[in-house]
Amino acid sequence: FFWHVVWLSVMQLRHYLFIGTLNPLLDHLARGDTNLVSTYTNAFAFTQLCGVLCAPWNGLILDRHKR
C-alpha cells in the first residue's frame, strides 16, 4: 500500500508540474503569439475534460470484465 501511495504521489506531482509549465512552454514555442497559445491551452483543457468524462466508463468496463 505504501509504495502504491508513493507511486500515485509521484504521478500526481508530475501531472501538476506539466500543467504548471505548459503555458510558459507554449509561450516560448509560439514565440509570444498569444492567440496560438490560447488555442493550444483550450485544446489541452478540452482533452482534460474528456478524460474526466471518460474515466467512469473505463472503470465500468474493467469492472464488468473482471473475472
N, C-alpha and C. Protein backbone atom coordinates (compact mmCIF):
# COMPACT_ATOMS: atom_id res chain seq x y z
N PHE A 1 0.83 -1.19 0.00
CA PHE A 1 0.00 0.00 0.00
C PHE A 1 0.87 1.25 0.00
N PHE A 2 1.94 1.22 0.80
CA PHE A 2 2.82 2.39 0.90
C PHE A 2 3.43 2.73 -0.45
N TRP A 3 3.93 1.73 -1.17
CA TRP A 3 4.57 2.00 -2.47
C TRP A 3 3.55 2.49 -3.50
N HIS A 4 2.33 2.02 -3.39
CA HIS A 4 1.28 2.49 -4.28
C HIS A 4 0.99 3.97 -4.02
N VAL A 5 0.94 4.35 -2.76
CA VAL A 5 0.72 5.76 -2.41
C VAL A 5 1.88 6.61 -2.90
N VAL A 6 3.11 6.12 -2.75
CA VAL A 6 4.28 6.86 -3.24
C VAL A 6 4.20 7.02 -4.75
N TRP A 7 3.87 5.94 -5.46
CA TRP A 7 3.79 5.99 -6.92
C TRP A 7 2.72 6.98 -7.37
N LEU A 8 1.54 6.91 -6.75
CA LEU A 8 0.47 7.84 -7.11
C LEU A 8 0.85 9.28 -6.80
N SER A 9 1.56 9.51 -5.70
CA SER A 9 2.00 10.85 -5.36
C SER A 9 2.98 11.40 -6.39
N VAL A 10 3.90 10.56 -6.84
CA VAL A 10 4.87 10.99 -7.85
C VAL A 10 4.16 11.28 -9.17
N MET A 11 3.22 10.44 -9.55
CA MET A 11 2.48 10.68 -10.79
C MET A 11 1.66 11.97 -10.71
N GLN A 12 1.05 12.23 -9.56
CA GLN A 12 0.28 13.46 -9.38
C GLN A 12 1.19 14.68 -9.43
N LEU A 13 2.36 14.56 -8.83
CA LEU A 13 3.32 15.65 -8.86
C LEU A 13 3.79 15.93 -10.28
N ARG A 14 4.05 14.88 -11.06
CA ARG A 14 4.44 15.06 -12.46
C ARG A 14 3.33 15.73 -13.26
N HIS A 15 2.10 15.35 -12.99
CA HIS A 15 0.95 15.94 -13.69
C HIS A 15 0.83 17.42 -13.36
N TYR A 16 0.96 17.77 -12.08
CA TYR A 16 0.89 19.18 -11.69
C TYR A 16 2.04 19.97 -12.28
N LEU A 17 3.22 19.37 -12.34
CA LEU A 17 4.36 20.05 -12.93
C LEU A 17 4.12 20.32 -14.41
N PHE A 18 3.56 19.33 -15.11
CA PHE A 18 3.25 19.52 -16.53
C PHE A 18 2.23 20.64 -16.74
N ILE A 19 1.17 20.63 -15.93
CA ILE A 19 0.15 21.67 -16.06
C ILE A 19 0.73 23.04 -15.73
N GLY A 20 1.59 23.10 -14.72
CA GLY A 20 2.17 24.37 -14.31
C GLY A 20 3.16 24.94 -15.31
N THR A 21 3.83 24.09 -16.06
CA THR A 21 4.84 24.56 -17.01
C THR A 21 4.34 24.58 -18.45
N LEU A 22 3.10 24.19 -18.68
CA LEU A 22 2.58 24.12 -20.05
C LEU A 22 2.48 25.50 -20.69
N ASN A 23 1.90 26.45 -19.99
CA ASN A 23 1.68 27.77 -20.59
C ASN A 23 3.00 28.49 -20.91
N PRO A 24 3.98 28.52 -20.00
CA PRO A 24 5.25 29.15 -20.38
C PRO A 24 5.95 28.41 -21.53
N LEU A 25 5.85 27.08 -21.55
CA LEU A 25 6.45 26.32 -22.65
C LEU A 25 5.78 26.65 -23.98
N LEU A 26 4.46 26.69 -23.98
CA LEU A 26 3.75 27.05 -25.21
C LEU A 26 4.06 28.48 -25.64
N ASP A 27 4.18 29.37 -24.67
CA ASP A 27 4.52 30.76 -24.98
C ASP A 27 5.91 30.84 -25.63
N HIS A 28 6.83 30.05 -25.13
CA HIS A 28 8.18 30.03 -25.72
C HIS A 28 8.16 29.42 -27.13
N LEU A 29 7.43 28.33 -27.29
CA LEU A 29 7.39 27.66 -28.60
C LEU A 29 6.64 28.48 -29.65
N ALA A 30 5.61 29.22 -29.22
CA ALA A 30 4.83 30.03 -30.15
C ALA A 30 5.44 31.41 -30.36
N ARG A 31 6.54 31.69 -29.70
CA ARG A 31 7.26 32.96 -29.82
C ARG A 31 6.36 34.16 -29.52
N GLY A 32 5.55 34.01 -28.45
CA GLY A 32 4.75 35.13 -27.98
C GLY A 32 3.42 35.31 -28.67
N ASP A 33 3.03 34.42 -29.56
CA ASP A 33 1.73 34.52 -30.23
C ASP A 33 0.64 34.08 -29.24
N THR A 34 -0.03 35.05 -28.63
CA THR A 34 -0.99 34.72 -27.58
C THR A 34 -2.21 33.97 -28.11
N ASN A 35 -2.62 34.24 -29.34
CA ASN A 35 -3.77 33.51 -29.91
C ASN A 35 -3.46 32.03 -30.08
N LEU A 36 -2.26 31.72 -30.53
CA LEU A 36 -1.86 30.32 -30.70
C LEU A 36 -1.74 29.62 -29.35
N VAL A 37 -1.16 30.30 -28.37
CA VAL A 37 -1.05 29.74 -27.03
C VAL A 37 -2.44 29.49 -26.45
N SER A 38 -3.34 30.42 -26.65
CA SER A 38 -4.71 30.26 -26.16
C SER A 38 -5.41 29.08 -26.82
N THR A 39 -5.19 28.91 -28.12
CA THR A 39 -5.79 27.78 -28.83
C THR A 39 -5.29 26.45 -28.28
N TYR A 40 -3.98 26.35 -28.09
CA TYR A 40 -3.41 25.11 -27.57
C TYR A 40 -3.81 24.86 -26.11
N THR A 41 -3.91 25.92 -25.34
CA THR A 41 -4.34 25.77 -23.95
C THR A 41 -5.79 25.31 -23.89
N ASN A 42 -6.64 25.86 -24.74
CA ASN A 42 -8.04 25.42 -24.79
C ASN A 42 -8.14 23.97 -25.25
N ALA A 43 -7.31 23.56 -26.21
CA ALA A 43 -7.32 22.17 -26.66
C ALA A 43 -6.90 21.24 -25.52
N PHE A 44 -5.89 21.64 -24.76
CA PHE A 44 -5.46 20.83 -23.62
C PHE A 44 -6.56 20.74 -22.57
N ALA A 45 -7.23 21.84 -22.30
CA ALA A 45 -8.33 21.84 -21.32
C ALA A 45 -9.47 20.94 -21.79
N PHE A 46 -9.75 20.96 -23.08
CA PHE A 46 -10.82 20.10 -23.62
C PHE A 46 -10.44 18.63 -23.48
N THR A 47 -9.19 18.28 -23.76
CA THR A 47 -8.79 16.88 -23.61
C THR A 47 -8.81 16.45 -22.15
N GLN A 48 -8.49 17.35 -21.22
CA GLN A 48 -8.58 17.03 -19.80
C GLN A 48 -10.04 16.78 -19.41
N LEU A 49 -10.94 17.60 -19.93
CA LEU A 49 -12.36 17.41 -19.64
C LEU A 49 -12.86 16.09 -20.19
N CYS A 50 -12.44 15.74 -21.40
CA CYS A 50 -12.86 14.47 -21.98
C CYS A 50 -12.33 13.30 -21.15
N GLY A 51 -11.12 13.43 -20.61
CA GLY A 51 -10.57 12.39 -19.76
C GLY A 51 -11.39 12.20 -18.50
N VAL A 52 -11.86 13.29 -17.91
CA VAL A 52 -12.69 13.20 -16.71
C VAL A 52 -14.03 12.56 -17.04
N LEU A 53 -14.57 12.86 -18.20
CA LEU A 53 -15.87 12.30 -18.58
C LEU A 53 -15.76 10.83 -18.99
N CYS A 54 -14.62 10.42 -19.52
CA CYS A 54 -14.45 9.04 -19.98
C CYS A 54 -13.95 8.10 -18.89
N ALA A 55 -13.38 8.61 -17.82
CA ALA A 55 -12.80 7.77 -16.76
C ALA A 55 -13.83 6.82 -16.12
N PRO A 56 -15.05 7.25 -15.82
CA PRO A 56 -16.00 6.30 -15.24
C PRO A 56 -16.34 5.16 -16.20
N TRP A 57 -16.38 5.42 -17.49
CA TRP A 57 -16.65 4.34 -18.46
C TRP A 57 -15.53 3.31 -18.45
N ASN A 58 -14.28 3.78 -18.34
CA ASN A 58 -13.17 2.84 -18.27
C ASN A 58 -13.28 1.95 -17.04
N GLY A 59 -13.63 2.54 -15.91
CA GLY A 59 -13.81 1.75 -14.70
C GLY A 59 -14.95 0.77 -14.82
N LEU A 60 -16.04 1.19 -15.45
CA LEU A 60 -17.19 0.29 -15.63
C LEU A 60 -16.82 -0.90 -16.51
N ILE A 61 -16.10 -0.63 -17.60
CA ILE A 61 -15.69 -1.72 -18.49
C ILE A 61 -14.76 -2.69 -17.77
N LEU A 62 -13.80 -2.16 -17.01
CA LEU A 62 -12.90 -3.03 -16.27
C LEU A 62 -13.62 -3.85 -15.21
N ASP A 63 -14.57 -3.25 -14.54
CA ASP A 63 -15.32 -3.99 -13.52
C ASP A 63 -16.19 -5.07 -14.13
N ARG A 64 -16.75 -4.82 -15.28
CA ARG A 64 -17.63 -5.81 -15.91
C ARG A 64 -16.86 -6.98 -16.50
N HIS A 65 -15.61 -6.76 -16.88
CA HIS A 65 -14.82 -7.83 -17.49
C HIS A 65 -13.85 -8.47 -16.51
N LYS A 66 -13.98 -8.14 -15.22
CA LYS A 66 -13.12 -8.74 -14.20
C LYS A 66 -13.58 -10.18 -13.96
N ARG A 67 -12.65 -11.08 -13.91
CA ARG A 67 -13.01 -12.49 -13.68
C ARG A 67 -12.25 -13.07 -12.54
